[in-house]
Protein backbone atom coordinates (compact mmCIF):
# COMPACT_ATOMS: atom_id res chain seq x y z
CA UNK A 1 185.49 43.66 29.38
CA UNK A 2 187.95 46.03 27.74
CA UNK A 3 187.90 49.76 28.43
CA UNK A 4 190.75 52.25 28.31
CA UNK A 5 191.83 54.22 31.35
CA UNK A 6 190.85 57.44 29.57
CA UNK A 7 187.36 56.19 28.75
CA UNK A 8 186.86 54.99 32.32
CA UNK A 9 188.01 58.34 33.70
CA UNK A 10 185.46 60.05 31.44
CA UNK A 11 182.69 57.73 32.61
CA UNK A 12 183.61 58.30 36.23
CA UNK A 13 183.63 62.08 35.82
CA UNK A 14 180.23 61.92 34.14
CA UNK A 15 178.87 59.88 37.04
CA UNK A 16 180.24 62.35 39.59
CA UNK A 17 178.81 65.34 37.72
CA UNK A 18 175.41 63.65 37.41
CA UNK A 19 175.19 62.89 41.13
CA UNK A 20 176.39 66.33 42.20
CA UNK A 21 174.24 68.29 39.77
CA UNK A 22 171.09 68.11 41.91
CA UNK A 23 172.47 69.36 45.26
CA UNK A 24 174.73 71.96 43.64
CA UNK A 25 171.87 73.15 41.44
CA UNK A 26 169.71 73.46 44.55
CA UNK A 27 172.40 75.64 46.12
CA UNK A 28 172.35 77.95 43.12
CA UNK A 29 168.55 78.17 43.11
CA UNK A 30 168.50 78.83 46.85
CA UNK A 31 170.97 81.68 46.53
CA UNK A 32 168.89 83.26 43.78
CA UNK A 33 165.75 83.03 45.93
CA UNK A 34 167.57 84.41 48.95
CA UNK A 35 168.74 87.44 46.96
CA UNK A 36 165.16 88.35 46.02
CA UNK A 37 163.34 87.35 49.20
CA UNK A 38 162.56 89.98 51.84
CA UNK A 39 160.24 88.05 54.16
CA UNK A 40 162.22 86.94 57.27
CA UNK A 41 160.44 83.59 57.53
CA UNK A 42 161.05 82.78 53.87
CA UNK A 43 164.68 83.86 54.15
CA UNK A 44 165.10 81.52 57.12
CA UNK A 45 163.58 78.69 55.08
CA UNK A 46 165.92 79.46 52.19
CA UNK A 47 168.88 79.24 54.55
CA UNK A 48 167.66 75.85 55.79
CA UNK A 49 167.43 74.56 52.22
CA UNK A 50 170.88 75.92 51.45
CA UNK A 51 172.30 74.13 54.48
CA UNK A 52 170.64 70.87 53.44
CA UNK A 53 171.99 71.14 49.89
CA UNK A 54 175.49 72.01 51.13
CA UNK A 55 175.44 69.05 53.51
CA UNK A 56 174.26 66.68 50.75
CA UNK A 57 176.99 67.93 48.42
CA UNK A 58 179.68 67.48 51.08
CA UNK A 59 178.46 63.96 51.95
CA UNK A 60 178.49 62.89 48.31
CA UNK A 61 181.99 64.29 47.80
CA UNK A 62 183.29 62.49 50.90
CA UNK A 63 181.80 59.22 49.70
CA UNK A 64 183.10 59.54 46.15
CA UNK A 65 186.54 60.54 47.39
CA UNK A 66 186.79 57.29 49.35
CA UNK A 67 184.97 55.06 46.85
CA UNK A 68 186.63 56.38 43.70
CA UNK A 69 189.62 58.43 44.80
CA UNK A 70 192.64 58.26 47.09
CA UNK A 71 190.95 59.06 50.41
CA UNK A 72 192.05 56.96 53.35
CA UNK A 73 195.70 57.79 52.79
CA UNK A 74 198.29 55.88 50.84
CA UNK A 75 198.48 52.92 53.22
CA UNK A 76 197.28 49.42 52.44
CA UNK A 77 194.33 49.46 54.84
CA UNK A 78 191.44 51.81 55.65
CA UNK A 79 189.59 52.31 58.93
CA UNK A 80 186.15 50.72 58.53
CA UNK A 81 184.64 53.53 60.61
CA UNK A 82 185.54 55.89 57.77
CA UNK A 83 183.74 53.66 55.29
CA UNK A 84 180.66 53.46 57.52
CA UNK A 85 180.56 57.24 57.92
CA UNK A 86 180.82 57.68 54.14
CA UNK A 87 177.90 55.31 53.47
CA UNK A 88 175.74 56.81 56.21
CA UNK A 89 176.43 60.29 54.85
CA UNK A 90 175.56 59.26 51.30
CA UNK A 91 172.12 58.01 52.33
CA UNK A 92 171.50 60.56 55.08
CA UNK A 93 169.03 62.54 52.97
CA UNK A 94 167.23 59.43 51.73
CA UNK A 95 165.10 58.46 54.71
CA UNK A 96 163.48 55.63 52.75
CA UNK A 97 166.68 53.58 52.87
CA UNK A 98 167.58 52.00 56.21
CA UNK A 99 171.16 50.86 56.73
CA UNK A 100 172.46 47.80 58.52
CA UNK A 101 176.20 47.70 59.26
CA UNK A 102 177.71 44.29 60.04
CA UNK A 103 181.45 44.87 59.83
CA UNK A 104 183.39 43.98 62.96
CA UNK A 105 186.89 44.38 61.50
CA UNK A 106 188.57 47.66 62.57
CA UNK A 107 190.43 47.94 59.26
CA UNK A 108 190.21 46.34 55.84
CA UNK A 109 192.47 46.45 52.76
CA UNK A 110 191.81 49.47 50.55
CA UNK A 111 190.55 47.41 47.54
CA UNK A 112 188.04 45.68 49.82
CA UNK A 113 186.78 48.99 51.20
CA UNK A 114 186.42 50.49 47.74
CA UNK A 115 184.57 47.43 46.42
CA UNK A 116 182.29 47.48 49.46
CA UNK A 117 181.47 51.16 48.95
CA UNK A 118 180.75 50.77 45.25
CA UNK A 119 178.52 47.75 45.82
CA UNK A 120 176.68 49.65 48.56
CA UNK A 121 176.16 52.54 46.14
CA UNK A 122 174.71 50.20 43.51
CA UNK A 123 172.53 48.41 46.07
CA UNK A 124 171.16 51.67 47.43
CA UNK A 125 170.40 52.99 43.94
CA UNK A 126 168.52 49.76 43.17
CA UNK A 127 166.07 50.44 46.03
CA UNK A 128 163.95 52.82 43.96
CA UNK A 129 161.16 52.84 46.56
CA UNK A 130 163.38 52.50 49.59
CA UNK A 131 164.03 49.49 51.76
CA UNK A 132 166.76 47.84 53.79
CA UNK A 133 170.42 47.95 52.77
CA UNK A 134 172.65 45.60 54.79
CA UNK A 135 176.43 45.72 54.48
CA UNK A 136 178.74 43.10 55.94
CA UNK A 137 182.35 41.98 55.87
CA UNK A 138 184.27 39.22 57.59
CA UNK A 139 187.93 38.23 57.62
CA UNK A 140 188.91 34.59 58.06
CA UNK A 141 191.90 32.35 57.46
CA UNK A 142 191.12 32.09 53.76
CA UNK A 143 190.69 35.78 53.11
CA UNK A 144 187.95 38.40 53.34
CA UNK A 145 184.33 38.12 52.32
CA UNK A 146 181.96 41.05 51.81
CA UNK A 147 178.23 41.06 51.22
CA UNK A 148 175.69 43.75 50.31
CA UNK A 149 171.99 42.91 50.54
CA UNK A 150 169.22 45.16 49.24
CA UNK A 151 165.60 44.33 50.10
CA UNK A 152 162.60 46.50 49.31
CA UNK A 153 159.20 46.73 47.59
CA UNK A 154 160.79 47.47 44.21
CA UNK A 155 164.35 46.58 43.25
CA UNK A 156 165.76 47.61 39.88
CA UNK A 157 169.27 46.66 38.76
CA UNK A 158 169.97 47.91 35.26
CA UNK A 159 171.11 45.04 32.96
CA UNK A 160 174.15 47.11 31.99
CA UNK A 161 175.22 47.23 35.64
CA UNK A 162 174.72 43.49 35.96
CA UNK A 163 176.88 42.93 32.89
CA UNK A 164 179.58 45.28 34.21
CA UNK A 165 179.63 43.46 37.57
CA UNK A 166 180.21 40.17 35.78
CA UNK A 167 182.83 41.63 33.44
CA UNK A 168 180.70 41.24 30.32
CA UNK A 169 180.22 43.67 27.45
CA UNK A 170 182.39 46.50 26.15
CA UNK A 171 180.24 49.62 26.11
CA UNK A 172 179.46 51.37 29.39
CA UNK A 173 177.24 54.27 30.40
CA UNK A 174 178.33 56.58 33.24
CA UNK A 175 175.84 54.92 35.61
CA UNK A 176 177.80 51.66 35.24
CA UNK A 177 181.14 53.15 36.35
CA UNK A 178 180.76 51.94 39.95
CA UNK A 179 179.89 48.43 38.77
CA UNK A 180 182.90 48.31 36.47
CA UNK A 181 185.17 49.52 39.27
CA UNK A 182 183.82 46.95 41.74
CA UNK A 183 184.44 44.15 39.25
CA UNK A 184 187.96 45.42 38.47
CA UNK A 185 188.91 45.71 42.15
CA UNK A 186 187.82 42.15 42.87
CA UNK A 187 189.39 40.74 39.72
CA UNK A 188 192.73 42.49 40.27
CA UNK A 189 192.84 41.12 43.82
CA UNK A 190 192.38 37.56 42.53
CA UNK A 191 188.93 37.25 44.07
CA UNK A 192 185.43 36.51 42.81
CA UNK A 193 182.19 38.49 42.64
CA UNK A 194 178.69 37.05 42.61
CA UNK A 195 175.32 38.70 41.93
CA UNK A 196 171.92 37.21 42.75
CA UNK A 197 169.77 36.15 39.75
CA UNK A 198 167.57 38.75 38.09
CA UNK A 199 164.40 37.01 39.32
CA UNK A 200 165.52 36.81 42.97
CA UNK A 201 163.33 38.50 45.59
CA UNK A 202 166.30 40.37 47.05
CA UNK A 203 169.42 41.84 45.46
CA UNK A 204 172.56 40.25 46.83
CA UNK A 205 176.20 41.00 46.05
CA UNK A 206 178.96 38.81 47.42
CA UNK A 207 182.71 39.14 46.91
CA UNK A 208 185.64 37.17 48.24
CA UNK A 209 189.24 38.41 48.45
CA UNK A 210 192.06 35.93 49.04
CA UNK A 211 194.77 36.76 51.54
CA UNK A 212 198.07 37.95 50.20
């Protein structure tokens, strides 16, 4: 798959704007309602909604900063507790998705963390009716292996995302930015990325990173 750095930056920005539009828009609507509302009970409810929207916006920004940006510092490794907090924050408002965290390593290389976060994002988005999202990573003598498993009553993985994860195709929509980044991170590290077949009962991502 060939895509210029400029085009990818545009896709990534479009994805960020799309995901932040809802909570930021809710903040704007809440402020407008608060300005016109005189009833104390309704004003209190408006403030609750504003707090929820602000919290959702902050959680999304923290996740995207670590998954897409330079959060975690400029070192080679990232504390896995930071990655867990980012994922839990991202899905905090979605009570239909239950998280399972199976990462015992205290730190992992930054490319591994970023790939793990992006695969978790894709897996969570695929659970359109909720379900279980399990995230695991293990380091061994050969390298590091990560796995993301999504299981629910309805799982939808857009074909364009599947193609981006496998490195196929040339044209990408903003929603495929995370898939493209996950593939690039694994490929640049000399590893491999696998996706469960389209007709599988669960959605499974697996990636291996060699040591070095």
